[in-house]
Amino acid sequence: MHPCFCGAFADRTQPGQVVLGAGHGSREKTFGGWSKHGVRGRLGAHHLPLEDLVTATLLAGLVLIRLMEDGRWDIPDMLGIEAYKPTRPIPPP
């Protein structure tokens, strides 16, 4: 899921439209969202902002190649991270 446009703060009630509210930076577990019938409404979810996801990738020693966005509408609902683990540590710049 795309961390910027999916979450309890992103209302996707209307097809093709996403209304963003406060909460993107929240890292707390939530059961809120625009649909009470989804996984978040039943089990809850921890949101991680894009900054946290990319930082975790780099701190794991992975080399970031690219980020990819996709979705059914103009606003992406999927995020992909392509990275690899080098066989030897890369020295810092």
C-alpha atoms as a PDB file:
ATOM      1  CA  MET A   1       0.000   0.000   0.000  1.00  0.00           C
ATOM      2  CA  HIS A   2       1.153   3.526  -0.685  1.00  0.00           C
ATOM      3  CA  PRO A   3       1.898   5.221   2.648  1.00  0.00           C
ATOM      4  CA  CYS A   4       0.979   8.700   1.400  1.00  0.00           C
ATOM      5  CA  PHE A   5      -2.444   7.979  -0.096  1.00  0.00           C
ATOM      6  CA  CYS A   6      -3.733   4.923   1.792  1.00  0.00           C
ATOM      7  CA  GLY A   7      -4.488   4.807   5.479  1.00  0.00           C
ATOM      8  CA  ALA A   8      -6.944   5.970   8.072  1.00  0.00           C
ATOM      9  CA  PHE A   9      -6.282   9.567   6.955  1.00  0.00           C
ATOM     10  CA  ALA A  10      -7.148   8.865   3.273  1.00  0.00           C
ATOM     11  CA  ASP A  11     -10.869   8.799   2.419  1.00  0.00           C
ATOM     12  CA  ARG A  12     -11.452   6.764  -0.760  1.00  0.00           C
ATOM     13  CA  THR A  13     -15.248   6.712  -0.493  1.00  0.00           C
ATOM     14  CA  GLN A  14     -15.707   8.300  -3.917  1.00  0.00           C
ATOM     15  CA  PRO A  15     -14.187   6.313  -6.823  1.00  0.00           C
ATOM     16  CA  GLY A  16     -11.282   8.149  -8.438  1.00  0.00           C
ATOM     17  CA  GLN A  17     -10.954  10.610  -5.564  1.00  0.00           C
ATOM     18  CA  VAL A  18      -8.849  10.620  -2.414  1.00  0.00           C
ATOM     19  CA  VAL A  19      -9.429  13.169   0.326  1.00  0.00           C
ATOM     20  CA  LEU A  20      -6.455  13.394   2.678  1.00  0.00           C
ATOM     21  CA  GLY A  21      -6.907  14.423   6.300  1.00  0.00           C
ATOM     22  CA  ALA A  22      -4.576  14.709   9.258  1.00  0.00           C
ATOM     23  CA  GLY A  23      -2.730  11.603  10.387  1.00  0.00           C
ATOM     24  CA  HIS A  24      -0.093  10.797   7.758  1.00  0.00           C
ATOM     25  CA  GLY A  25       2.695  11.278  10.299  1.00  0.00           C
ATOM     26  CA  SER A  26       1.016   9.146  12.953  1.00  0.00           C
ATOM     27  CA  ARG A  27       2.786   5.901  13.809  1.00  0.00           C
ATOM     28  CA  GLU A  28       0.139   4.621  16.232  1.00  0.00           C
ATOM     29  CA  LYS A  29      -2.104   1.620  15.687  1.00  0.00           C
ATOM     30  CA  THR A  30      -5.516   2.651  14.412  1.00  0.00           C
ATOM     31  CA  PHE A  31      -8.812   0.985  13.622  1.00  0.00           C
ATOM     32  CA  GLY A  32     -10.129   4.076  11.851  1.00  0.00           C
ATOM     33  CA  GLY A  33     -10.617   4.539   8.149  1.00  0.00           C
ATOM     34  CA  TRP A  34     -13.171   5.187   5.460  1.00  0.00           C
ATOM     35  CA  SER A  35     -14.353   1.562   5.411  1.00  0.00           C
ATOM     36  CA  LYS A  36     -15.132  -0.332   8.621  1.00  0.00           C
ATOM     37  CA  HIS A  37     -15.263  -3.595   6.628  1.00  0.00           C
ATOM     38  CA  GLY A  38     -11.580  -3.708   5.658  1.00  0.00           C
ATOM     39  CA  VAL A  39      -8.629  -5.271   7.459  1.00  0.00           C
ATOM     40  CA  ARG A  40      -7.859  -2.024   9.307  1.00  0.00           C
ATOM     41  CA  GLY A  41     -11.382  -1.830  10.711  1.00  0.00           C
ATOM     42  CA  ARG A  42     -11.259  -5.420  12.000  1.00  0.00           C
ATOM     43  CA  LEU A  43      -7.600  -5.903  13.023  1.00  0.00           C
ATOM     44  CA  GLY A  44      -6.117  -2.431  13.068  1.00  0.00           C
ATOM     45  CA  ALA A  45      -2.984  -1.229  11.323  1.00  0.00           C
ATOM     46  CA  HIS A  46       0.235   0.637  12.062  1.00  0.00           C
ATOM     47  CA  HIS A  47       0.916   3.379   9.549  1.00  0.00           C
ATOM     48  CA  LEU A  48       4.502   4.150   8.541  1.00  0.00           C
ATOM     49  CA  PRO A  49       5.193   7.376   6.652  1.00  0.00           C
ATOM     50  CA  LEU A  50       7.238   7.178   3.448  1.00  0.00           C
ATOM     51  CA  GLU A  51      10.232   8.612   5.301  1.00  0.00           C
ATOM     52  CA  ASP A  52      10.236   5.664   7.733  1.00  0.00           C
ATOM     53  CA  LEU A  53       9.951   3.058   4.976  1.00  0.00           C
ATOM     54  CA  VAL A  54      12.834   4.451   2.921  1.00  0.00           C
ATOM     55  CA  THR A  55      14.993   4.984   6.021  1.00  0.00           C
ATOM     56  CA  ALA A  56      14.388   1.373   7.148  1.00  0.00           C
ATOM     57  CA  THR A  57      15.461   0.171   3.685  1.00  0.00           C
ATOM     58  CA  LEU A  58      18.725   2.112   3.883  1.00  0.00           C
ATOM     59  CA  LEU A  59      19.444   1.192   7.523  1.00  0.00           C
ATOM     60  CA  ALA A  60      19.046  -2.487   6.600  1.00  0.00           C
ATOM     61  CA  GLY A  61      22.084  -2.046   4.360  1.00  0.00           C
ATOM     62  CA  LEU A  62      20.102  -2.220   1.128  1.00  0.00           C
ATOM     63  CA  VAL A  63      21.033  -0.119  -1.890  1.00  0.00           C
ATOM     64  CA  LEU A  64      17.993   1.683  -3.229  1.00  0.00           C
ATOM     65  CA  ILE A  65      17.557   1.377  -6.989  1.00  0.00           C
ATOM     66  CA  ARG A  66      14.148   2.959  -7.470  1.00  0.00           C
ATOM     67  CA  LEU A  67      10.698   3.667  -6.075  1.00  0.00           C
ATOM     68  CA  MET A  68       7.655   2.786  -8.155  1.00  0.00           C
ATOM     69  CA  GLU A  69       4.070   4.004  -7.815  1.00  0.00           C
ATOM     70  CA  ASP A  70       0.988   2.455  -9.371  1.00  0.00           C
ATOM     71  CA  GLY A  71      -2.724   2.281  -8.909  1.00  0.00           C
ATOM     72  CA  ARG A  72      -6.091   2.257 -10.530  1.00  0.00           C
ATOM     73  CA  TRP A  73      -6.441   6.037 -10.614  1.00  0.00           C
ATOM     74  CA  ASP A  74      -4.272   9.098 -11.077  1.00  0.00           C
ATOM     75  CA  ILE A  75      -3.443   8.980  -7.359  1.00  0.00           C
ATOM     76  CA  PRO A  76      -1.301   5.906  -6.615  1.00  0.00           C
ATOM     77  CA  ASP A  77      -2.401   3.319  -4.076  1.00  0.00           C
ATOM     78  CA  MET A  78       0.613   1.016  -4.476  1.00  0.00           C
ATOM     79  CA  LEU A  79       4.285   1.697  -3.742  1.00  0.00           C
ATOM     80  CA  GLY A  80       7.156  -0.569  -4.696  1.00  0.00           C
ATOM     81  CA  ILE A  81      10.755  -0.341  -3.557  1.00  0.00           C
ATOM     82  CA  GLU A  82      13.485  -1.994  -5.631  1.00  0.00           C
ATOM     83  CA  ALA A  83      16.695  -2.516  -3.691  1.00  0.00           C
ATOM     84  CA  TYR A  84      19.475  -5.037  -3.308  1.00  0.00           C
ATOM     85  CA  LYS A  85      21.838  -6.198  -0.568  1.00  0.00           C
ATOM     86  CA  PRO A  86      25.457  -5.753  -1.692  1.00  0.00           C
ATOM     87  CA  THR A  87      27.877  -8.623  -1.136  1.00  0.00           C
ATOM     88  CA  ARG A  88      30.405  -6.189   0.379  1.00  0.00           C
ATOM     89  CA  PRO A  89      29.557  -3.153   2.499  1.00  0.00           C
ATOM     90  CA  ILE A  90      29.548   0.110   0.568  1.00  0.00           C
ATOM     91  CA  PRO A  91      31.692   2.746   2.282  1.00  0.00           C
ATOM     92  CA  PRO A  92      29.902   5.976   3.163  1.00  0.00           C
ATOM     93  CA  PRO A  93      30.585   8.998   0.918  1.00  0.00           C
END
